[in-house]
């Protein structure tokens, strides 16, 4: 402590220095916390993607439902065609057997 400067100034300088030091410390801690939070976020994001995949499964199920109805329509058409082919084959066989 200097005897030349008043005590009040010395105290304010000391407190100001302490405030500056705490600000710097707080900034560095905040930076470290942000970095750690980013790392954790990177590790956690795959879990969020899995949740998104679950949502997409619902969407896929809806699409599957649409596809299933389309497949059912196609299947009915195919069965009708196959039945028609079978009938023609039977007629051809019947003609051959008459010969």
PDB file of N, CA and C in Angstrom:
ATOM      1  N   UNK A   1       0.842  -1.184   0.000  1.00  0.00           N
ATOM      2  CA  UNK A   1       0.000   0.000   0.000  1.00  0.00           C
ATOM      3  C   UNK A   1       0.885   1.244   0.000  1.00  0.00           C
ATOM      4  N   UNK A   2       0.428   2.199  -0.776  1.00  0.00           N
ATOM      5  CA  UNK A   2       1.164   3.459  -0.828  1.00  0.00           C
ATOM      6  C   UNK A   2       0.611   4.415   0.213  1.00  0.00           C
ATOM      7  N   UNK A   3       1.516   5.131   0.824  1.00  0.00           N
ATOM      8  CA  UNK A   3       1.067   6.134   1.780  1.00  0.00           C
ATOM      9  C   UNK A   3       0.657   7.424   1.080  1.00  0.00           C
ATOM     10  N   UNK A   4       1.120   7.613  -0.157  1.00  0.00           N
ATOM     11  CA  UNK A   4       0.816   8.846  -0.884  1.00  0.00           C
ATOM     12  C   UNK A   4      -0.646   8.903  -1.350  1.00  0.00           C
ATOM     13  N   UNK A   5      -1.192   7.769  -1.769  1.00  0.00           N
ATOM     14  CA  UNK A   5      -2.569   7.772  -2.281  1.00  0.00           C
ATOM     15  C   UNK A   5      -3.554   7.513  -1.150  1.00  0.00           C
ATOM     16  N   UNK A   6      -4.730   8.111  -1.227  1.00  0.00           N
ATOM     17  CA  UNK A   6      -5.725   7.888  -0.174  1.00  0.00           C
ATOM     18  C   UNK A   6      -6.196   6.436  -0.129  1.00  0.00           C
ATOM     19  N   UNK A   7      -6.653   6.040   1.007  1.00  0.00           N
ATOM     20  CA  UNK A   7      -7.101   4.660   1.219  1.00  0.00           C
ATOM     21  C   UNK A   7      -8.291   4.334   0.310  1.00  0.00           C
ATOM     22  N   UNK A   8      -9.163   5.296   0.139  1.00  0.00           N
ATOM     23  CA  UNK A   8     -10.348   5.072  -0.696  1.00  0.00           C
ATOM     24  C   UNK A   8      -9.961   4.705  -2.123  1.00  0.00           C
ATOM     25  N   UNK A   9      -9.001   5.407  -2.680  1.00  0.00           N
ATOM     26  CA  UNK A   9      -8.547   5.094  -4.041  1.00  0.00           C
ATOM     27  C   UNK A   9      -7.918   3.709  -4.100  1.00  0.00           C
ATOM     28  N   UNK A  10      -7.129   3.391  -3.077  1.00  0.00           N
ATOM     29  CA  UNK A  10      -6.489   2.073  -3.051  1.00  0.00           C
ATOM     30  C   UNK A  10      -7.539   0.968  -3.011  1.00  0.00           C
ATOM     31  N   UNK A  11      -8.574   1.188  -2.208  1.00  0.00           N
ATOM     32  CA  UNK A  11      -9.636   0.177  -2.095  1.00  0.00           C
ATOM     33  C   UNK A  11     -10.387   0.044  -3.424  1.00  0.00           C
ATOM     34  N   UNK A  12     -10.719   1.183  -4.039  1.00  0.00           N
ATOM     35  CA  UNK A  12     -11.444   1.113  -5.318  1.00  0.00           C
ATOM     36  C   UNK A  12     -10.598   0.451  -6.400  1.00  0.00           C
ATOM     37  N   UNK A  13      -9.312   0.720  -6.411  1.00  0.00           N
ATOM     38  CA  UNK A  13      -8.431   0.054  -7.377  1.00  0.00           C
ATOM     39  C   UNK A  13      -8.409  -1.456  -7.145  1.00  0.00           C
ATOM     40  N   UNK A  14      -8.325  -1.849  -5.880  1.00  0.00           N
ATOM     41  CA  UNK A  14      -8.280  -3.279  -5.555  1.00  0.00           C
ATOM     42  C   UNK A  14      -9.590  -3.952  -5.948  1.00  0.00           C
ATOM     43  N   UNK A  15     -10.710  -3.293  -5.630  1.00  0.00           N
ATOM     44  CA  UNK A  15     -12.016  -3.870  -5.963  1.00  0.00           C
ATOM     45  C   UNK A  15     -12.197  -3.913  -7.480  1.00  0.00           C
ATOM     46  N   UNK A  16     -11.779  -2.838  -8.162  1.00  0.00           N
ATOM     47  CA  UNK A  16     -11.871  -2.816  -9.625  1.00  0.00           C
ATOM     48  C   UNK A  16     -11.046  -3.909 -10.254  1.00  0.00           C
ATOM     49  N   UNK A  17      -9.849  -4.118  -9.725  1.00  0.00           N
ATOM     50  CA  UNK A  17      -9.005  -5.198 -10.231  1.00  0.00           C
ATOM     51  C   UNK A  17      -9.635  -6.555 -10.003  1.00  0.00           C
ATOM     52  N   UNK A  18     -10.262  -6.714  -8.838  1.00  0.00           N
ATOM     53  CA  UNK A  18     -10.935  -7.982  -8.540  1.00  0.00           C
ATOM     54  C   UNK A  18     -12.114  -8.194  -9.494  1.00  0.00           C
ATOM     55  N   UNK A  19     -12.830  -7.113  -9.776  1.00  0.00           N
ATOM     56  CA  UNK A  19     -13.973  -7.212 -10.695  1.00  0.00           C
ATOM     57  C   UNK A  19     -13.487  -7.612 -12.083  1.00  0.00           C
ATOM     58  N   UNK A  20     -12.424  -6.981 -12.558  1.00  0.00           N
ATOM     59  CA  UNK A  20     -11.874  -7.326 -13.868  1.00  0.00           C
ATOM     60  C   UNK A  20     -11.435  -8.791 -13.908  1.00  0.00           C
ATOM     61  N   UNK A  21     -10.797  -9.219 -12.839  1.00  0.00           N
ATOM     62  CA  UNK A  21     -10.341 -10.614 -12.790  1.00  0.00           C
ATOM     63  C   UNK A  21     -11.521 -11.574 -12.825  1.00  0.00           C
ATOM     64  N   UNK A  22     -12.583 -11.248 -12.088  1.00  0.00           N
ATOM     65  CA  UNK A  22     -13.747 -12.138 -12.093  1.00  0.00           C
ATOM     66  C   UNK A  22     -14.449 -12.128 -13.451  1.00  0.00           C
ATOM     67  N   UNK A  23     -14.453 -10.967 -14.116  1.00  0.00           N
ATOM     68  CA  UNK A  23     -15.039 -10.920 -15.462  1.00  0.00           C
ATOM     69  C   UNK A  23     -14.277 -11.827 -16.412  1.00  0.00           C
ATOM     70  N   UNK A  24     -12.956 -11.724 -16.358  1.00  0.00           N
ATOM     71  CA  UNK A  24     -12.129 -12.568 -17.229  1.00  0.00           C
ATOM     72  C   UNK A  24     -12.353 -14.049 -16.929  1.00  0.00           C
ATOM     73  N   UNK A  25     -12.399 -14.355 -15.638  1.00  0.00           N
ATOM     74  CA  UNK A  25     -12.613 -15.749 -15.250  1.00  0.00           C
ATOM     75  C   UNK A  25     -13.980 -16.233 -15.720  1.00  0.00           C
ATOM     76  N   UNK A  26     -14.985 -15.369 -15.575  1.00  0.00           N
ATOM     77  CA  UNK A  26     -16.329 -15.748 -16.006  1.00  0.00           C
ATOM     78  C   UNK A  26     -16.372 -15.966 -17.514  1.00  0.00           C
ATOM     79  N   UNK A  27     -15.671 -15.126 -18.265  1.00  0.00           N
ATOM     80  CA  UNK A  27     -15.645 -15.282 -19.722  1.00  0.00           C
ATOM     81  C   UNK A  27     -14.992 -16.595 -20.123  1.00  0.00           C
ATOM     82  N   UNK A  28     -13.869 -16.895 -19.472  1.00  0.00           N
ATOM     83  CA  UNK A  28     -13.179 -18.140 -19.833  1.00  0.00           C
ATOM     84  C   UNK A  28     -14.027 -19.354 -19.461  1.00  0.00           C
ATOM     85  N   UNK A  29     -14.691 -19.269 -18.308  1.00  0.00           N
ATOM     86  CA  UNK A  29     -15.555 -20.383 -17.904  1.00  0.00           C
ATOM     87  C   UNK A  29     -16.709 -20.523 -18.884  1.00  0.00           C
ATOM     88  N   UNK A  30     -17.275 -19.395 -19.320  1.00  0.00           N
ATOM     89  CA  UNK A  30     -18.382 -19.441 -20.276  1.00  0.00           C
ATOM     90  C   UNK A  30     -17.931 -20.070 -21.588  1.00  0.00           C
ATOM     91  N   UNK A  31     -16.732 -19.726 -22.037  1.00  0.00           N
ATOM     92  CA  UNK A  31     -16.217 -20.324 -23.277  1.00  0.00           C
ATOM     93  C   UNK A  31     -16.059 -21.829 -23.132  1.00  0.00           C
ATOM     94  N   UNK A  32     -15.507 -22.242 -21.991  1.00  0.00           N
ATOM     95  CA  UNK A  32     -15.324 -23.674 -21.762  1.00  0.00           C
ATOM     96  C   UNK A  32     -16.662 -24.392 -21.712  1.00  0.00           C
ATOM     97  N   UNK A  33     -17.640 -23.759 -21.073  1.00  0.00           N
ATOM     98  CA  UNK A  33     -18.965 -24.375 -20.978  1.00  0.00           C
ATOM     99  C   UNK A  33     -19.594 -24.497 -22.362  1.00  0.00           C
ATOM    100  N   UNK A  34     -19.420 -23.469 -23.207  1.00  0.00           N
ATOM    101  CA  UNK A  34     -19.963 -23.535 -24.566  1.00  0.00           C
ATOM    102  C   UNK A  34     -19.329 -24.671 -25.355  1.00  0.00           C
ATOM    103  N   UNK A  35     -18.010 -24.799 -25.224  1.00  0.00           N
ATOM    104  CA  UNK A  35     -17.330 -25.888 -25.941  1.00  0.00           C
ATOM    105  C   UNK A  35     -17.832 -27.237 -25.468  1.00  0.00           C
ATOM    106  N   UNK A  36     -17.962 -27.376 -24.141  1.00  0.00           N
ATOM    107  CA  UNK A  36     -18.443 -28.649 -23.596  1.00  0.00           C
ATOM    108  C   UNK A  36     -19.874 -28.915 -24.050  1.00  0.00           C
ATOM    109  N   UNK A  37     -20.685 -27.870 -24.088  1.00  0.00           N
ATOM    110  CA  UNK A  37     -22.072 -28.035 -24.528  1.00  0.00           C
ATOM    111  C   UNK A  37     -22.129 -28.457 -25.986  1.00  0.00           C
ATOM    112  N   UNK A  38     -21.252 -27.905 -26.809  1.00  0.00           N
ATOM    113  CA  UNK A  38     -21.211 -28.299 -28.213  1.00  0.00           C
ATOM    114  C   UNK A  38     -20.830 -29.763 -28.362  1.00  0.00           C
ATOM    115  N   UNK A  39     -19.844 -30.196 -27.570  1.00  0.00           N
ATOM    116  CA  UNK A  39     -19.433 -31.601 -27.631  1.00  0.00           C
ATOM    117  C   UNK A  39     -20.577 -32.509 -27.226  1.00  0.00           C
ATOM    118  N   UNK A  40     -21.255 -32.127 -26.155  1.00  0.00           N
ATOM    119  CA  UNK A  40     -22.387 -32.938 -25.698  1.00  0.00           C
ATOM    120  C   UNK A  40     -23.489 -32.938 -26.749  1.00  0.00           C
ATOM    121  N   UNK A  41     -23.715 -31.776 -27.360  1.00  0.00           N
ATOM    122  CA  UNK A  41     -24.751 -31.696 -28.393  1.00  0.00           C
ATOM    123  C   UNK A  41     -24.421 -32.606 -29.566  1.00  0.00           C
ATOM    124  N   UNK A  42     -23.149 -32.664 -29.936  1.00  0.00           N
ATOM    125  CA  UNK A  42     -22.754 -33.548 -31.025  1.00  0.00           C
ATOM    126  C   UNK A  42     -23.005 -35.003 -30.671  1.00  0.00           C
ATOM    127  N   UNK A  43     -22.752 -35.347 -29.402  1.00  0.00           N
ATOM    128  CA  UNK A  43     -22.984 -36.730 -28.980  1.00  0.00           C
ATOM    129  C   UNK A  43     -24.475 -37.033 -28.882  1.00  0.00           C
ATOM    130  N   UNK A  44     -25.256 -36.048 -28.538  1.00  0.00           N
ATOM    131  CA  UNK A  44     -26.680 -36.264 -28.335  1.00  0.00           C
ATOM    132  C   UNK A  44     -27.448 -36.247 -29.647  1.00  0.00           C
ATOM    133  N   UNK A  45     -26.956 -35.532 -30.651  1.00  0.00           N
ATOM    134  CA  UNK A  45     -27.697 -35.407 -31.904  1.00  0.00           C
ATOM    135  C   UNK A  45     -28.001 -36.741 -32.578  1.00  0.00           C
ATOM    136  N   UNK A  46     -27.146 -37.761 -32.535  1.00  0.00           N
ATOM    137  CA  UNK A  46     -27.572 -39.029 -33.121  1.00  0.00           C
ATOM    138  C   UNK A  46     -28.821 -39.597 -32.461  1.00  0.00           C
ATOM    139  N   UNK A  47     -28.974 -39.371 -31.155  1.00  0.00           N
ATOM    140  CA  UNK A  47     -30.182 -39.833 -30.482  1.00  0.00           C
ATOM    141  C   UNK A  47     -31.392 -39.094 -31.033  1.00  0.00           C
ATOM    142  N   UNK A  48     -31.237 -37.809 -31.321  1.00  0.00           N
ATOM    143  CA  UNK A  48     -32.344 -37.060 -31.909  1.00  0.00           C
ATOM    144  C   UNK A  48     -32.656 -37.593 -33.295  1.00  0.00           C
ATOM    145  N   UNK A  49     -31.619 -37.974 -34.035  1.00  0.00           N
ATOM    146  CA  UNK A  49     -31.860 -38.529 -35.360  1.00  0.00           C
ATOM    147  C   UNK A  49     -32.640 -39.827 -35.258  1.00  0.00           C
ATOM    148  N   UNK A  50     -32.351 -40.615 -34.223  1.00  0.00           N
ATOM    149  CA  UNK A  50     -33.101 -41.849 -34.037  1.00  0.00           C
ATOM    150  C   UNK A  50     -34.564 -41.541 -33.779  1.00  0.00           C
ATOM    151  N   UNK A  51     -34.831 -40.483 -33.009  1.00  0.00           N
ATOM    152  CA  UNK A  51     -36.220 -40.090 -32.777  1.00  0.00           C
ATOM    153  C   UNK A  51     -36.858 -39.676 -34.090  1.00  0.00           C
ATOM    154  N   UNK A  52     -36.106 -38.970 -34.917  1.00  0.00           N
ATOM    155  CA  UNK A  52     -36.621 -38.564 -36.217  1.00  0.00           C
ATOM    156  C   UNK A  52     -36.904 -39.799 -37.064  1.00  0.00           C
ATOM    157  N   UNK A  53     -36.063 -40.810 -36.917  1.00  0.00           N
ATOM    158  CA  UNK A  53     -36.279 -42.037 -37.660  1.00  0.00           C
ATOM    159  C   UNK A  53     -37.591 -42.688 -37.225  1.00  0.00           C
ATOM    160  N   UNK A  54     -37.894 -42.595 -35.928  1.00  0.00           N
ATOM    161  CA  UNK A  54     -39.168 -43.144 -35.471  1.00  0.00           C
ATOM    162  C   UNK A  54     -40.319 -42.407 -36.123  1.00  0.00           C
ATOM    163  N   UNK A  55     -40.203 -41.088 -36.240  1.00  0.00           N
ATOM    164  CA  UNK A  55     -41.245 -40.314 -36.899  1.00  0.00           C
ATOM    165  C   UNK A  55     -41.346 -40.722 -38.365  1.00  0.00           C
ATOM    166  N   UNK A  56     -40.186 -40.951 -38.976  1.00  0.00           N
ATOM    167  CA  UNK A  56     -40.203 -41.333 -40.378  1.00  0.00           C
ATOM    168  C   UNK A  56     -40.811 -42.727 -40.532  1.00  0.00           C
ATOM    169  N   UNK A  57     -40.695 -43.560 -39.502  1.00  0.00           N
ATOM    170  CA  UNK A  57     -41.345 -44.866 -39.579  1.00  0.00           C
ATOM    171  C   UNK A  57     -42.847 -44.687 -39.678  1.00  0.00           C
ATOM    172  N   UNK A  58     -43.371 -43.700 -38.933  1.00  0.00           N
ATOM    173  CA  UNK A  58     -44.803 -43.436 -39.029  1.00  0.00           C
ATOM    174  C   UNK A  58     -45.154 -42.992 -40.439  1.00  0.00           C
ATOM    175  N   UNK A  59     -44.321 -42.107 -40.979  1.00  0.00           N
ATOM    176  CA  UNK A  59     -44.549 -41.646 -42.345  1.00  0.00           C
ATOM    177  C   UNK A  59     -44.412 -42.812 -43.316  1.00  0.00           C
ATOM    178  N   UNK A  60     -43.436 -43.663 -43.057  1.00  0.00           N
ATOM    179  CA  UNK A  60     -43.237 -44.827 -43.912  1.00  0.00           C
ATOM    180  C   UNK A  60     -44.438 -45.764 -43.802  1.00  0.00           C
ATOM    181  N   UNK A  61     -44.993 -45.861 -42.607  1.00  0.00           N
ATOM    182  CA  UNK A  61     -46.170 -46.706 -42.436  1.00  0.00           C
ATOM    183  C   UNK A  61     -47.336 -46.154 -43.241  1.00  0.00           C
ATOM    184  N   UNK A  62     -47.468 -44.831 -43.252  1.00  0.00           N
ATOM    185  CA  UNK A  62     -48.520 -44.227 -44.067  1.00  0.00           C
ATOM    186  C   UNK A  62     -48.278 -44.523 -45.537  1.00  0.00           C
ATOM    187  N   UNK A  63     -47.004 -44.362 -45.968  1.00  0.00           N
ATOM    188  CA  UNK A  63     -46.669 -44.654 -47.350  1.00  0.00           C
ATOM    189  C   UNK A  63     -46.912 -46.125 -47.648  1.00  0.00           C
ATOM    190  N   UNK A  64     -46.558 -46.979 -46.664  1.00  0.00           N
ATOM    191  CA  UNK A  64     -46.753 -48.410 -46.841  1.00  0.00           C
ATOM    192  C   UNK A  64     -48.236 -48.706 -47.008  1.00  0.00           C
ATOM    193  N   UNK A  65     -49.059 -48.007 -46.237  1.00  0.00           N
ATOM    194  CA  UNK A  65     -50.496 -48.195 -46.373  1.00  0.00           C
ATOM    195  C   UNK A  65     -50.964 -47.833 -47.766  1.00  0.00           C
ATOM    196  N   UNK A  66     -50.441 -46.739 -48.297  1.00  0.00           N
ATOM    197  CA  UNK A  66     -50.789 -46.342 -49.655  1.00  0.00           C
ATOM    198  C   UNK A  66     -50.285 -47.367 -50.652  1.00  0.00           C
ATOM    199  N   UNK A  67     -49.026 -47.815 -50.442  1.00  0.00           N
ATOM    200  CA  UNK A  67     -48.451 -48.798 -51.346  1.00  0.00           C
ATOM    201  C   UNK A  67     -49.227 -50.104 -51.273  1.00  0.00           C
ATOM    202  N   UNK A  68     -49.645 -50.463 -50.057  1.00  0.00           N
ATOM    203  CA  UNK A  68     -50.376 -51.708 -49.893  1.00  0.00           C
ATOM    204  C   UNK A  68     -51.697 -51.648 -50.648  1.00  0.00           C
ATOM    205  N   UNK A  69     -52.369 -50.497 -50.592  1.00  0.00           N
ATOM    206  CA  UNK A  69     -53.631 -50.392 -51.317  1.00  0.00           C
ATOM    207  C   UNK A  69     -53.386 -50.464 -52.826  1.00  0.00           C
ATOM    208  N   UNK A  70     -52.288 -49.836 -53.285  1.00  0.00           N
ATOM    209  CA  UNK A  70     -51.950 -49.921 -54.706  1.00  0.00           C
ATOM    210  C   UNK A  70     -51.642 -51.354 -55.092  1.00  0.00           C
ATOM    211  N   UNK A  71     -50.884 -52.057 -54.214  1.00  0.00           N
ATOM    212  CA  UNK A  71     -50.540 -53.444 -54.499  1.00  0.00           C
ATOM    213  C   UNK A  71     -51.793 -54.310 -54.532  1.00  0.00           C
ATOM    214  N   UNK A  72     -52.732 -54.001 -53.651  1.00  0.00           N
ATOM    215  CA  UNK A  72     -53.970 -54.778 -53.637  1.00  0.00           C
ATOM    216  C   UNK A  72     -54.730 -54.579 -54.945  1.00  0.00           C
ATOM    217  N   UNK A  73     -54.765 -53.336 -55.433  1.00  0.00           N
ATOM    218  CA  UNK A  73     -55.427 -53.079 -56.710  1.00  0.00           C
ATOM    219  C   UNK A  73     -54.728 -53.819 -57.838  1.00  0.00           C
ATOM    220  N   UNK A  74     -53.371 -53.764 -57.819  1.00  0.00           N
ATOM    221  CA  UNK A  74     -52.617 -54.468 -58.857  1.00  0.00           C
ATOM    222  C   UNK A  74     -52.840 -55.967 -58.764  1.00  0.00           C
ATOM    223  N   UNK A  75     -52.918 -56.473 -57.525  1.00  0.00           N
ATOM    224  CA  UNK A  75     -53.106 -57.910 -57.352  1.00  0.00           C
ATOM    225  C   UNK A  75     -54.448 -58.348 -57.925  1.00  0.00           C
ATOM    226  N   UNK A  76     -55.480 -57.545 -57.709  1.00  0.00           N
ATOM    227  CA  UNK A  76     -56.784 -57.908 -58.273  1.00  0.00           C
ATOM    228  C   UNK A  76     -56.734 -57.916 -59.796  1.00  0.00           C
ATOM    229  N   UNK A  77     -56.035 -56.928 -60.361  1.00  0.00           N
ATOM    230  CA  UNK A  77     -55.893 -56.897 -61.818  1.00  0.00           C
ATOM    231  C   UNK A  77     -55.138 -58.127 -62.309  1.00  0.00           C
ATOM    232  N   UNK A  78     -54.049 -58.467 -61.581  1.00  0.00           N
ATOM    233  CA  UNK A  78     -53.247 -59.622 -61.986  1.00  0.00           C
ATOM    234  C   UNK A  78     -54.055 -60.908 -61.909  1.00  0.00           C
ATOM    235  N   UNK A  79     -54.827 -61.062 -60.837  1.00  0.00           N
ATOM    236  CA  UNK A  79     -55.618 -62.288 -60.707  1.00  0.00           C
ATOM    237  C   UNK A  79     -56.654 -62.384 -61.818  1.00  0.00           C
ATOM    238  N   UNK A  80     -57.228 -61.241 -62.187  1.00  0.00           N
ATOM    239  CA  UNK A  80     -58.202 -61.248 -63.285  1.00  0.00           C
ATOM    240  C   UNK A  80     -57.519 -61.662 -64.584  1.00  0.00           C
ATOM    241  N   UNK A  81     -56.333 -61.118 -64.841  1.00  0.00           N
ATOM    242  CA  UNK A  81     -55.593 -61.477 -66.054  1.00  0.00           C
ATOM    243  C   UNK A  81     -55.225 -62.954 -66.054  1.00  0.00           C
ATOM    244  N   UNK A  82     -54.751 -63.433 -64.887  1.00  0.00           N
ATOM    245  CA  UNK A  82     -54.360 -64.836 -64.800  1.00  0.00           C
ATOM    246  C   UNK A  82     -55.562 -65.746 -65.030  1.00  0.00           C
ATOM    247  N   UNK A  83     -56.693 -65.347 -64.472  1.00  0.00           N
ATOM    248  CA  UNK A  83     -57.895 -66.156 -64.660  1.00  0.00           C
ATOM    249  C   UNK A  83     -58.282 -66.199 -66.134  1.00  0.00           C
ATOM    250  N   UNK A  84     -58.156 -65.057 -66.793  1.00  0.00           N
ATOM    251  CA  UNK A  84     -58.480 -65.014 -68.224  1.00  0.00           C
ATOM    252  C   UNK A  84     -57.525 -65.905 -69.011  1.00  0.00           C
ATOM    253  N   UNK A  85     -56.256 -65.875 -68.678  1.00  0.00           N
ATOM    254  CA  UNK A  85     -55.270 -66.719 -69.365  1.00  0.00           C
ATOM    255  C   UNK A  85     -55.577 -68.196 -69.138  1.00  0.00           C
ATOM    256  N   UNK A  86     -55.959 -68.539 -67.906  1.00  0.00           N
ATOM    257  CA  UNK A  86     -56.269 -69.934 -67.602  1.00  0.00           C
ATOM    258  C   UNK A  86     -57.452 -70.409 -68.431  1.00  0.00           C
ATOM    259  N   UNK A  87     -58.436 -69.530 -68.562  1.00  0.00           N
ATOM    260  CA  UNK A  87     -59.613 -69.909 -69.339  1.00  0.00           C
ATOM    261  C   UNK A  87     -59.221 -70.161 -70.787  1.00  0.00           C
ATOM    262  N   UNK A  88     -58.382 -69.270 -71.339  1.00  0.00           N
ATOM    263  CA  UNK A  88     -57.962 -69.469 -72.730  1.00  0.00           C
ATOM    264  C   UNK A  88     -57.143 -70.744 -72.878  1.00  0.00           C
ATOM    265  N   UNK A  89     -56.299 -71.027 -71.905  1.00  0.00           N
ATOM    266  CA  UNK A  89     -55.499 -72.251 -71.962  1.00  0.00           C
ATOM    267  C   UNK A  89     -56.394 -73.488 -71.906  1.00  0.00           C
ATOM    268  N   UNK A  90     -57.419 -73.419 -71.056  1.00  0.00           N
ATOM    269  CA  UNK A  90     -58.335 -74.556 -70.940  1.00  0.00           C
ATOM    270  C   UNK A  90     -59.072 -74.777 -72.257  1.00  0.00           C
ATOM    271  N   UNK A  91     -59.477 -73.675 -72.903  1.00  0.00           N
ATOM    272  CA  UNK A  91     -60.178 -73.797 -74.179  1.00  0.00           C
ATOM    273  C   UNK A  91     -59.269 -74.417 -75.229  1.00  0.00           C
ATOM    274  N   UNK A  92     -57.991 -73.975 -75.255  1.00  0.00           N
ATOM    275  CA  UNK A  92     -57.044 -74.529 -76.205  1.00  0.00           C
ATOM    276  C   UNK A  92     -56.836 -76.016 -75.962  1.00  0.00           C
ATOM    277  N   UNK A  93     -56.711 -76.384 -74.685  1.00  0.00           N
ATOM    278  CA  UNK A  93     -56.520 -77.802 -74.351  1.00  0.00           C
ATOM    279  C   UNK A  93     -57.741 -78.608 -74.736  1.00  0.00           C
ATOM    280  N   UNK A  94     -58.918 -78.026 -74.526  1.00  0.00           N
ATOM    281  CA  UNK A  94     -60.157 -78.722 -74.881  1.00  0.00           C
ATOM    282  C   UNK A  94     -60.215 -78.966 -76.372  1.00  0.00           C
ATOM    283  N   UNK A  95     -59.798 -77.962 -77.171  1.00  0.00           N
ATOM    284  CA  UNK A  95     -59.787 -78.120 -78.621  1.00  0.00           C
ATOM    285  C   UNK A  95     -58.819 -79.207 -79.044  1.00  0.00           C
ATOM    286  N   UNK A  96     -57.641 -79.219 -78.408  1.00  0.00           N
ATOM    287  CA  UNK A  96     -56.649 -80.234 -78.744  1.00  0.00           C
ATOM    288  C   UNK A  96     -57.121 -81.618 -78.382  1.00  0.00           C
ATOM    289  N   UNK A  97     -57.826 -81.734 -77.271  1.00  0.00           N
ATOM    290  CA  UNK A  97     -58.290 -83.044 -76.849  1.00  0.00           C
ATOM    291  C   UNK A  97     -59.395 -83.578 -77.760  1.00  0.00           C
ATOM    292  N   UNK A  98     -60.146 -82.683 -78.386  1.00  0.00           N
ATOM    293  CA  UNK A  98     -61.197 -83.101 -79.338  1.00  0.00           C
ATOM    294  C   UNK A  98     -60.599 -83.658 -80.612  1.00  0.00           C
ATOM    295  N   UNK A  99     -59.403 -83.208 -80.979  1.00  0.00           N
ATOM    296  CA  UNK A  99     -58.753 -83.700 -82.200  1.00  0.00           C
ATOM    297  C   UNK A  99     -58.404 -85.105 -81.992  1.00  0.00           C
TER     298      UNK A  99
END
